[in-house]
Amino acid sequence: MEPLKLQKYFSMCGVMSRRSAEEEIAAGRVLVNGLPASLGDRIDPDTDTVVWRGKELHLPAAAAHTYLVLNKPAGYVTTMQDEKGRKTAASLLPAGTPRVYPVGRLDMFSDGLLLFTDDGELTNKLTHPSHHMTKTYRLTLKGTLTADDARRFEMPMELDGYQLRPVEARFLENGLCVGGAEASVFEITLHEGRNRQIRRMCEQLGYTVIRLTRIAIGPIALGRLPLGKTRPLTNEEINLLRTMTETEGQNT
């Protein structure tokens, strides 16, 4: 886990606010690895021991909530129920899963990584525009394209009069898609989540989308998770998400 400011670690443990933690640190009531802590110290929760007034502090157990990654197939909507009778991503969750909700959306025609949790606080932080949580996609386009086409995605672009934040695009390969049509594969990272952003960017640039797969949200990667299957997030992944949203939200 990335090093944390000591006062931030106090707030993540649910002990007190950062300001109160700073007062306790300044008063000499906090030890790190047996030594008096100082303002500005950073600690690694995985390896360092923090003691406050004789009590050892620990991050809250992730088991208090449920956190899942789903590899959503195309053709499923991310609403919990659909008035049109379409298949929902929630229907793919294992039997006995507690009541969880999708974190953000992934459009019906796209596949890939979709997070589910019952942790409302973390969901609000992950989806709030101020955090700019990165999302990475593998994009398959019709035709034989090149690295120059990747650079077109990185040029300034507007949607509905809104100036998009810069994206990162990388050309991966040319090849053939199902059916034998020529296709090109790119990797694109967004720093915001405008509605159907990549598809609308492709429309504006004149490209035809064959497949759009989300492969990562921040530090959480889809990896080799089979289509339609789920896995729980690890404690390390959960703490990484918490750390990133705290850091971005507080500019620490």
C-alpha atoms as a PDB file:
ATOM      1  CA  MET A   1       0.000   0.000   0.000  1.00  0.00           C
ATOM      2  CA  GLU A   2       1.215   3.550  -0.734  1.00  0.00           C
ATOM      3  CA  PRO A   3       2.554   5.550   2.251  1.00  0.00           C
ATOM      4  CA  LEU A   4      -0.085   7.706   3.964  1.00  0.00           C
ATOM      5  CA  LYS A   5       0.176  10.896   5.966  1.00  0.00           C
ATOM      6  CA  LEU A   6      -0.145   9.893   9.588  1.00  0.00           C
ATOM      7  CA  GLN A   7      -3.131  12.167  10.265  1.00  0.00           C
ATOM      8  CA  LYS A   8      -4.900  10.726   7.228  1.00  0.00           C
ATOM      9  CA  TYR A   9      -4.353   7.223   8.591  1.00  0.00           C
ATOM     10  CA  PHE A  10      -6.151   8.291  11.784  1.00  0.00           C
ATOM     11  CA  SER A  11      -9.199   9.448   9.798  1.00  0.00           C
ATOM     12  CA  MET A  12      -9.233   6.273   7.676  1.00  0.00           C
ATOM     13  CA  CYS A  13      -9.203   4.210  10.892  1.00  0.00           C
ATOM     14  CA  GLY A  14     -12.286   6.145  12.036  1.00  0.00           C
ATOM     15  CA  VAL A  15     -10.557   7.361  15.198  1.00  0.00           C
ATOM     16  CA  MET A  16     -10.708  11.137  14.759  1.00  0.00           C
ATOM     17  CA  SER A  17     -10.435  13.938  12.220  1.00  0.00           C
ATOM     18  CA  ARG A  18      -7.130  14.861  10.633  1.00  0.00           C
ATOM     19  CA  ARG A  19      -7.002  18.144  12.543  1.00  0.00           C
ATOM     20  CA  SER A  20      -7.513  16.356  15.868  1.00  0.00           C
ATOM     21  CA  ALA A  21      -4.882  13.791  14.884  1.00  0.00           C
ATOM     22  CA  GLU A  22      -2.395  16.581  14.206  1.00  0.00           C
ATOM     23  CA  GLU A  23      -2.981  17.902  17.737  1.00  0.00           C
ATOM     24  CA  GLU A  24      -2.391  14.438  19.211  1.00  0.00           C
ATOM     25  CA  ILE A  25       0.780  13.995  17.160  1.00  0.00           C
ATOM     26  CA  ALA A  26       2.086  17.420  18.222  1.00  0.00           C
ATOM     27  CA  ALA A  27       1.331  16.581  21.856  1.00  0.00           C
ATOM     28  CA  GLY A  28       3.521  13.469  21.625  1.00  0.00           C
ATOM     29  CA  ARG A  29       0.710  10.980  22.166  1.00  0.00           C
ATOM     30  CA  VAL A  30       1.405   8.963  18.985  1.00  0.00           C
ATOM     31  CA  LEU A  31       4.113   6.370  18.445  1.00  0.00           C
ATOM     32  CA  VAL A  32       5.203   4.864  15.126  1.00  0.00           C
ATOM     33  CA  ASN A  33       7.192   1.662  15.470  1.00  0.00           C
ATOM     34  CA  GLY A  34       7.813   2.560  19.117  1.00  0.00           C
ATOM     35  CA  LEU A  35       9.160   6.056  18.432  1.00  0.00           C
ATOM     36  CA  PRO A  36       7.401   9.425  18.936  1.00  0.00           C
ATOM     37  CA  ALA A  37       5.743  10.582  15.721  1.00  0.00           C
ATOM     38  CA  SER A  38       6.189  14.005  14.158  1.00  0.00           C
ATOM     39  CA  LEU A  39       3.866  16.144  12.056  1.00  0.00           C
ATOM     40  CA  GLY A  40       4.437  15.326   8.393  1.00  0.00           C
ATOM     41  CA  ASP A  41       5.343  11.680   9.030  1.00  0.00           C
ATOM     42  CA  ARG A  42       4.092   9.122   6.521  1.00  0.00           C
ATOM     43  CA  ILE A  43       3.477   5.474   7.324  1.00  0.00           C
ATOM     44  CA  ASP A  44       2.890   2.232   5.451  1.00  0.00           C
ATOM     45  CA  PRO A  45      -0.172   0.553   7.041  1.00  0.00           C
ATOM     46  CA  ASP A  46       1.103  -2.846   5.876  1.00  0.00           C
ATOM     47  CA  THR A  47       4.426  -2.638   7.704  1.00  0.00           C
ATOM     48  CA  ASP A  48       4.331   0.159  10.301  1.00  0.00           C
ATOM     49  CA  THR A  49       2.754   0.005  13.775  1.00  0.00           C
ATOM     50  CA  VAL A  50       0.872   3.091  14.985  1.00  0.00           C
ATOM     51  CA  VAL A  51      -0.039   3.406  18.663  1.00  0.00           C
ATOM     52  CA  TRP A  52      -2.175   6.213  20.087  1.00  0.00           C
ATOM     53  CA  ARG A  53      -2.500   6.523  23.858  1.00  0.00           C
ATOM     54  CA  GLY A  54      -1.508   2.886  24.235  1.00  0.00           C
ATOM     55  CA  LYS A  55      -3.958   1.617  21.581  1.00  0.00           C
ATOM     56  CA  GLU A  56      -2.701   0.104  18.318  1.00  0.00           C
ATOM     57  CA  LEU A  57      -4.624   1.407  15.300  1.00  0.00           C
ATOM     58  CA  HIS A  58      -5.801  -0.658  12.336  1.00  0.00           C
ATOM     59  CA  LEU A  59      -7.738   0.092   9.167  1.00  0.00           C
ATOM     60  CA  PRO A  60     -11.339  -1.174   9.388  1.00  0.00           C
ATOM     61  CA  ALA A  61     -11.902  -4.690   8.096  1.00  0.00           C
ATOM     62  CA  ALA A  62     -13.139  -4.798   4.511  1.00  0.00           C
ATOM     63  CA  ALA A  63     -15.513  -7.634   5.450  1.00  0.00           C
ATOM     64  CA  ALA A  64     -17.984  -5.064   6.788  1.00  0.00           C
ATOM     65  CA  HIS A  65     -19.017  -4.488   3.170  1.00  0.00           C
ATOM     66  CA  THR A  66     -19.174  -6.496  -0.040  1.00  0.00           C
ATOM     67  CA  TYR A  67     -16.993  -5.489  -2.996  1.00  0.00           C
ATOM     68  CA  LEU A  68     -17.184  -7.372  -6.302  1.00  0.00           C
ATOM     69  CA  VAL A  69     -15.763  -7.101  -9.809  1.00  0.00           C
ATOM     70  CA  LEU A  70     -17.988  -8.361 -12.626  1.00  0.00           C
ATOM     71  CA  ASN A  71     -16.815  -8.941 -16.192  1.00  0.00           C
ATOM     72  CA  LYS A  72     -20.049  -7.727 -17.784  1.00  0.00           C
ATOM     73  CA  PRO A  73     -20.916  -9.143 -21.207  1.00  0.00           C
ATOM     74  CA  ALA A  74     -22.376  -6.897 -23.896  1.00  0.00           C
ATOM     75  CA  GLY A  75     -26.180  -6.939 -23.978  1.00  0.00           C
ATOM     76  CA  TYR A  76     -26.664  -6.363 -20.239  1.00  0.00           C
ATOM     77  CA  VAL A  77     -27.807  -3.068 -18.720  1.00  0.00           C
ATOM     78  CA  THR A  78     -26.375  -1.828 -15.416  1.00  0.00           C
ATOM     79  CA  THR A  79     -29.676  -0.864 -13.807  1.00  0.00           C
ATOM     80  CA  MET A  80     -30.812  -3.167 -10.988  1.00  0.00           C
ATOM     81  CA  GLN A  81     -34.166  -3.681 -12.738  1.00  0.00           C
ATOM     82  CA  ASP A  82     -35.210  -2.811 -16.271  1.00  0.00           C
ATOM     83  CA  GLU A  83     -38.702  -1.741 -17.242  1.00  0.00           C
ATOM     84  CA  LYS A  84     -38.074  -2.918 -20.797  1.00  0.00           C
ATOM     85  CA  GLY A  85     -37.294  -6.451 -19.683  1.00  0.00           C
ATOM     86  CA  ARG A  86     -33.662  -6.357 -20.783  1.00  0.00           C
ATOM     87  CA  LYS A  87     -31.020  -8.486 -19.098  1.00  0.00           C
ATOM     88  CA  THR A  88     -29.357  -6.801 -16.110  1.00  0.00           C
ATOM     89  CA  ALA A  89     -25.762  -7.090 -14.953  1.00  0.00           C
ATOM     90  CA  ALA A  90     -27.071  -7.712 -11.412  1.00  0.00           C
ATOM     91  CA  SER A  91     -28.614 -10.983 -12.600  1.00  0.00           C
ATOM     92  CA  LEU A  92     -25.079 -12.337 -13.161  1.00  0.00           C
ATOM     93  CA  LEU A  93     -24.069 -11.989  -9.501  1.00  0.00           C
ATOM     94  CA  PRO A  94     -23.674 -15.268  -7.594  1.00  0.00           C
ATOM     95  CA  ALA A  95     -26.667 -16.583  -5.658  1.00  0.00           C
ATOM     96  CA  GLY A  96     -26.617 -15.380  -2.063  1.00  0.00           C
ATOM     97  CA  THR A  97     -24.782 -12.137  -2.839  1.00  0.00           C
ATOM     98  CA  PRO A  98     -25.856  -9.386  -0.393  1.00  0.00           C
ATOM     99  CA  ARG A  99     -27.782  -6.431  -1.814  1.00  0.00           C
ATOM    100  CA  VAL A 100     -25.118  -4.534  -3.777  1.00  0.00           C
ATOM    101  CA  TYR A 101     -25.292  -1.830  -6.424  1.00  0.00           C
ATOM    102  CA  PRO A 102     -23.182  -1.008  -9.495  1.00  0.00           C
ATOM    103  CA  VAL A 103     -20.598   1.741  -9.146  1.00  0.00           C
ATOM    104  CA  GLY A 104     -21.349   3.982 -12.107  1.00  0.00           C
ATOM    105  CA  ARG A 105     -22.459   2.568 -15.438  1.00  0.00           C
ATOM    106  CA  LEU A 106     -21.157   0.621 -18.393  1.00  0.00           C
ATOM    107  CA  ASP A 107     -23.343   0.978 -21.474  1.00  0.00           C
ATOM    108  CA  MET A 108     -25.404  -1.943 -22.714  1.00  0.00           C
ATOM    109  CA  PHE A 109     -23.284  -2.579 -25.790  1.00  0.00           C
ATOM    110  CA  SER A 110     -19.936  -2.503 -23.953  1.00  0.00           C
ATOM    111  CA  ASP A 111     -18.377  -5.280 -21.910  1.00  0.00           C
ATOM    112  CA  GLY A 112     -15.782  -5.478 -19.187  1.00  0.00           C
ATOM    113  CA  LEU A 113     -15.123  -4.360 -15.650  1.00  0.00           C
ATOM    114  CA  LEU A 114     -18.051  -3.270 -13.501  1.00  0.00           C
ATOM    115  CA  LEU A 115     -17.772  -2.779  -9.743  1.00  0.00           C
ATOM    116  CA  PHE A 116     -20.560  -3.691  -7.309  1.00  0.00           C
ATOM    117  CA  THR A 117     -20.670  -2.791  -3.610  1.00  0.00           C
ATOM    118  CA  ASP A 118     -22.950  -1.926  -0.706  1.00  0.00           C
ATOM    119  CA  ASP A 119     -20.426   0.672   0.530  1.00  0.00           C
ATOM    120  CA  GLY A 120     -22.339   3.859  -0.241  1.00  0.00           C
ATOM    121  CA  GLU A 121     -19.613   6.198   0.986  1.00  0.00           C
ATOM    122  CA  LEU A 122     -16.975   4.703  -1.303  1.00  0.00           C
ATOM    123  CA  THR A 123     -19.431   4.628  -4.225  1.00  0.00           C
ATOM    124  CA  ASN A 124     -20.135   8.355  -3.817  1.00  0.00           C
ATOM    125  CA  LYS A 125     -16.422   9.120  -3.780  1.00  0.00           C
ATOM    126  CA  LEU A 126     -15.642   6.945  -6.811  1.00  0.00           C
ATOM    127  CA  THR A 127     -18.433   8.475  -8.895  1.00  0.00           C
ATOM    128  CA  HIS A 128     -18.038  12.092  -7.786  1.00  0.00           C
ATOM    129  CA  PRO A 129     -16.628  14.263 -10.615  1.00  0.00           C
ATOM    130  CA  SER A 130     -14.017  15.828  -8.309  1.00  0.00           C
ATOM    131  CA  HIS A 131     -12.063  12.567  -8.087  1.00  0.00           C
ATOM    132  CA  HIS A 132     -11.505  12.006 -11.831  1.00  0.00           C
ATOM    133  CA  MET A 133     -11.016   8.271 -11.296  1.00  0.00           C
ATOM    134  CA  THR A 134      -9.271   6.928 -14.397  1.00  0.00           C
ATOM    135  CA  LYS A 135     -10.988   4.304 -16.546  1.00  0.00           C
ATOM    136  CA  THR A 136      -9.095   2.316 -19.153  1.00  0.00           C
ATOM    137  CA  TYR A 137     -10.706   0.667 -22.189  1.00  0.00           C
ATOM    138  CA  ARG A 138      -9.634  -1.664 -24.979  1.00  0.00           C
ATOM    139  CA  LEU A 139     -11.185  -0.352 -28.168  1.00  0.00           C
ATOM    140  CA  THR A 140     -11.537  -2.322 -31.407  1.00  0.00           C
ATOM    141  CA  LEU A 141     -12.226  -0.175 -34.481  1.00  0.00           C
ATOM    142  CA  LYS A 142     -13.112  -1.168 -38.020  1.00  0.00           C
ATOM    143  CA  GLY A 143     -10.322  -0.861 -40.582  1.00  0.00           C
ATOM    144  CA  THR A 144      -6.534  -0.831 -40.641  1.00  0.00           C
ATOM    145  CA  LEU A 145      -5.492   2.126 -38.511  1.00  0.00           C
ATOM    146  CA  THR A 146      -2.169   3.374 -37.112  1.00  0.00           C
ATOM    147  CA  ALA A 147      -0.571   5.189 -34.187  1.00  0.00           C
ATOM    148  CA  ASP A 148      -1.554   8.451 -35.916  1.00  0.00           C
ATOM    149  CA  ASP A 149      -5.176   7.549 -35.232  1.00  0.00           C
ATOM    150  CA  ALA A 150      -4.336   7.170 -31.526  1.00  0.00           C
ATOM    151  CA  ARG A 151      -2.981  10.710 -31.521  1.00  0.00           C
ATOM    152  CA  ARG A 152      -6.295  11.979 -32.934  1.00  0.00           C
ATOM    153  CA  PHE A 153      -7.999  10.821 -29.741  1.00  0.00           C
ATOM    154  CA  GLU A 154      -5.570  12.944 -27.717  1.00  0.00           C
ATOM    155  CA  MET A 155      -6.363  16.163 -29.583  1.00  0.00           C
ATOM    156  CA  PRO A 156      -8.657  18.758 -27.894  1.00  0.00           C
ATOM    157  CA  MET A 157     -12.301  17.748 -28.375  1.00  0.00           C
ATOM    158  CA  GLU A 158     -15.733  18.993 -27.322  1.00  0.00           C
ATOM    159  CA  LEU A 159     -18.977  17.118 -26.698  1.00  0.00           C
ATOM    160  CA  ASP A 160     -22.175  19.147 -26.418  1.00  0.00           C
ATOM    161  CA  GLY A 161     -20.103  22.290 -25.980  1.00  0.00           C
ATOM    162  CA  TYR A 162     -18.088  20.772 -23.117  1.00  0.00           C
ATOM    163  CA  GLN A 163     -14.290  20.730 -23.396  1.00  0.00           C
ATOM    164  CA  LEU A 164     -13.193  17.182 -22.592  1.00  0.00           C
ATOM    165  CA  ARG A 165     -10.283  16.499 -20.292  1.00  0.00           C
ATOM    166  CA  PRO A 166      -7.313  15.077 -22.246  1.00  0.00           C
ATOM    167  CA  VAL A 167      -7.294  11.316 -22.769  1.00  0.00           C
ATOM    168  CA  GLU A 168      -4.374   8.924 -23.230  1.00  0.00           C
ATOM    169  CA  ALA A 169      -4.511   6.676 -26.298  1.00  0.00           C
ATOM    170  CA  ARG A 170      -2.167   3.925 -27.434  1.00  0.00           C
ATOM    171  CA  PHE A 171      -2.230   1.908 -30.649  1.00  0.00           C
ATOM    172  CA  LEU A 172      -1.840  -1.818 -29.936  1.00  0.00           C
ATOM    173  CA  GLU A 173      -2.242  -3.855 -33.120  1.00  0.00           C
ATOM    174  CA  ASN A 174      -3.958  -4.528 -36.440  1.00  0.00           C
ATOM    175  CA  GLY A 175      -5.708  -7.786 -37.153  1.00  0.00           C
ATOM    176  CA  LEU A 176      -8.987  -9.441 -37.996  1.00  0.00           C
ATOM    177  CA  CYS A 177     -12.129  -9.476 -35.877  1.00  0.00           C
ATOM    178  CA  VAL A 178     -14.842 -12.135 -35.777  1.00  0.00           C
ATOM    179  CA  GLY A 179     -16.179 -12.475 -39.316  1.00  0.00           C
ATOM    180  CA  GLY A 180     -12.812 -11.712 -40.924  1.00  0.00           C
ATOM    181  CA  ALA A 181     -13.133  -7.911 -41.111  1.00  0.00           C
ATOM    182  CA  GLU A 182      -9.962  -5.849 -40.759  1.00  0.00           C
ATOM    183  CA  ALA A 183      -9.778  -4.203 -37.343  1.00  0.00           C
ATOM    184  CA  SER A 184      -7.415  -2.202 -35.141  1.00  0.00           C
ATOM    185  CA  VAL A 185      -7.064  -2.268 -31.375  1.00  0.00           C
ATOM    186  CA  PHE A 186      -6.326   0.697 -29.125  1.00  0.00           C
ATOM    187  CA  GLU A 187      -6.084   1.304 -25.385  1.00  0.00           C
ATOM    188  CA  ILE A 188      -7.675   4.512 -24.126  1.00  0.00           C
ATOM    189  CA  THR A 189      -7.612   5.989 -20.623  1.00  0.00           C
ATOM    190  CA  LEU A 190     -10.210   8.553 -19.571  1.00  0.00           C
ATOM    191  CA  HIS A 191      -9.897  10.937 -16.638  1.00  0.00           C
ATOM    192  CA  GLU A 192     -13.613  11.686 -16.469  1.00  0.00           C
ATOM    193  CA  GLY A 193     -16.814   9.812 -17.224  1.00  0.00           C
ATOM    194  CA  ARG A 194     -18.969  11.647 -19.747  1.00  0.00           C
ATOM    195  CA  ASN A 195     -21.971   9.677 -21.007  1.00  0.00           C
ATOM    196  CA  ARG A 196     -20.900   7.253 -23.797  1.00  0.00           C
ATOM    197  CA  GLN A 197     -17.748   9.338 -24.157  1.00  0.00           C
ATOM    198  CA  ILE A 198     -15.564   6.980 -26.192  1.00  0.00           C
ATOM    199  CA  ARG A 199     -18.355   6.001 -28.576  1.00  0.00           C
ATOM    200  CA  ARG A 200     -19.246   9.659 -29.152  1.00  0.00           C
ATOM    201  CA  MET A 201     -15.589  10.568 -29.682  1.00  0.00           C
ATOM    202  CA  CYS A 202     -15.381   7.814 -32.306  1.00  0.00           C
ATOM    203  CA  GLU A 203     -18.493   9.129 -34.046  1.00  0.00           C
ATOM    204  CA  GLN A 204     -16.963  12.598 -34.133  1.00  0.00           C
ATOM    205  CA  LEU A 205     -13.690  11.250 -35.558  1.00  0.00           C
ATOM    206  CA  GLY A 206     -15.412   9.022 -38.108  1.00  0.00           C
ATOM    207  CA  TYR A 207     -14.453   5.620 -36.645  1.00  0.00           C
ATOM    208  CA  THR A 208     -16.720   2.568 -36.409  1.00  0.00           C
ATOM    209  CA  VAL A 209     -16.638   0.771 -33.051  1.00  0.00           C
ATOM    210  CA  ILE A 210     -16.605  -3.030 -33.211  1.00  0.00           C
ATOM    211  CA  ARG A 211     -16.015  -3.690 -29.522  1.00  0.00           C
ATOM    212  CA  LEU A 212     -15.480  -1.605 -26.395  1.00  0.00           C
ATOM    213  CA  THR A 213     -14.172  -3.317 -23.246  1.00  0.00           C
ATOM    214  CA  ARG A 214     -13.415  -1.622 -19.936  1.00  0.00           C
ATOM    215  CA  ILE A 215     -10.261  -3.227 -18.552  1.00  0.00           C
ATOM    216  CA  ALA A 216      -9.528  -1.094 -15.475  1.00  0.00           C
ATOM    217  CA  ILE A 217     -10.985   1.416 -13.029  1.00  0.00           C
ATOM    218  CA  GLY A 218      -8.168   3.188 -11.235  1.00  0.00           C
ATOM    219  CA  PRO A 219      -5.965   0.431  -9.725  1.00  0.00           C
ATOM    220  CA  ILE A 220      -8.572  -2.321 -10.231  1.00  0.00           C
ATOM    221  CA  ALA A 221      -7.817  -4.424 -13.316  1.00  0.00           C
ATOM    222  CA  LEU A 222     -10.096  -6.889 -15.095  1.00  0.00           C
ATOM    223  CA  GLY A 223      -7.234  -9.312 -15.653  1.00  0.00           C
ATOM    224  CA  ARG A 224      -8.224 -12.826 -16.744  1.00  0.00           C
ATOM    225  CA  LEU A 225     -11.670 -12.817 -15.129  1.00  0.00           C
ATOM    226  CA  PRO A 226     -13.963 -14.814 -17.478  1.00  0.00           C
ATOM    227  CA  LEU A 227     -16.857 -13.049 -19.183  1.00  0.00           C
ATOM    228  CA  GLY A 228     -19.972 -13.083 -16.996  1.00  0.00           C
ATOM    229  CA  LYS A 229     -18.061 -14.064 -13.845  1.00  0.00           C
ATOM    230  CA  THR A 230     -17.297 -12.178 -10.624  1.00  0.00           C
ATOM    231  CA  ARG A 231     -14.538 -12.049  -8.043  1.00  0.00           C
ATOM    232  CA  PRO A 232     -14.251 -10.229  -4.694  1.00  0.00           C
ATOM    233  CA  LEU A 233     -11.876  -7.314  -4.388  1.00  0.00           C
ATOM    234  CA  THR A 234      -8.851  -7.972  -2.217  1.00  0.00           C
ATOM    235  CA  ASN A 235      -8.281  -5.935   0.951  1.00  0.00           C
ATOM    236  CA  GLU A 236      -5.326  -4.310  -0.805  1.00  0.00           C
ATOM    237  CA  GLU A 237      -7.522  -3.213  -3.731  1.00  0.00           C
ATOM    238  CA  ILE A 238     -10.190  -1.834  -1.392  1.00  0.00           C
ATOM    239  CA  ASN A 239      -7.637   0.157   0.593  1.00  0.00           C
ATOM    240  CA  LEU A 240      -6.088   1.457  -2.643  1.00  0.00           C
ATOM    241  CA  LEU A 241      -9.485   2.789  -3.751  1.00  0.00           C
ATOM    242  CA  ARG A 242     -10.058   4.388  -0.362  1.00  0.00           C
ATOM    243  CA  THR A 243      -6.606   5.944  -0.412  1.00  0.00           C
ATOM    244  CA  MET A 244      -6.986   7.322  -3.939  1.00  0.00           C
ATOM    245  CA  THR A 245     -10.371   8.923  -3.265  1.00  0.00           C
ATOM    246  CA  GLU A 246      -9.147  10.413   0.010  1.00  0.00           C
ATOM    247  CA  THR A 247      -6.018  11.771  -1.656  1.00  0.00           C
ATOM    248  CA  GLU A 248      -7.769  13.273  -4.668  1.00  0.00           C
ATOM    249  CA  GLY A 249     -10.627  14.663  -2.625  1.00  0.00           C
ATOM    250  CA  GLN A 250      -8.359  16.306  -0.018  1.00  0.00           C
ATOM    251  CA  ASN A 251      -5.458  17.236  -2.369  1.00  0.00           C
ATOM    252  CA  THR A 252      -3.003  15.548  -0.039  1.00  0.00           C
END
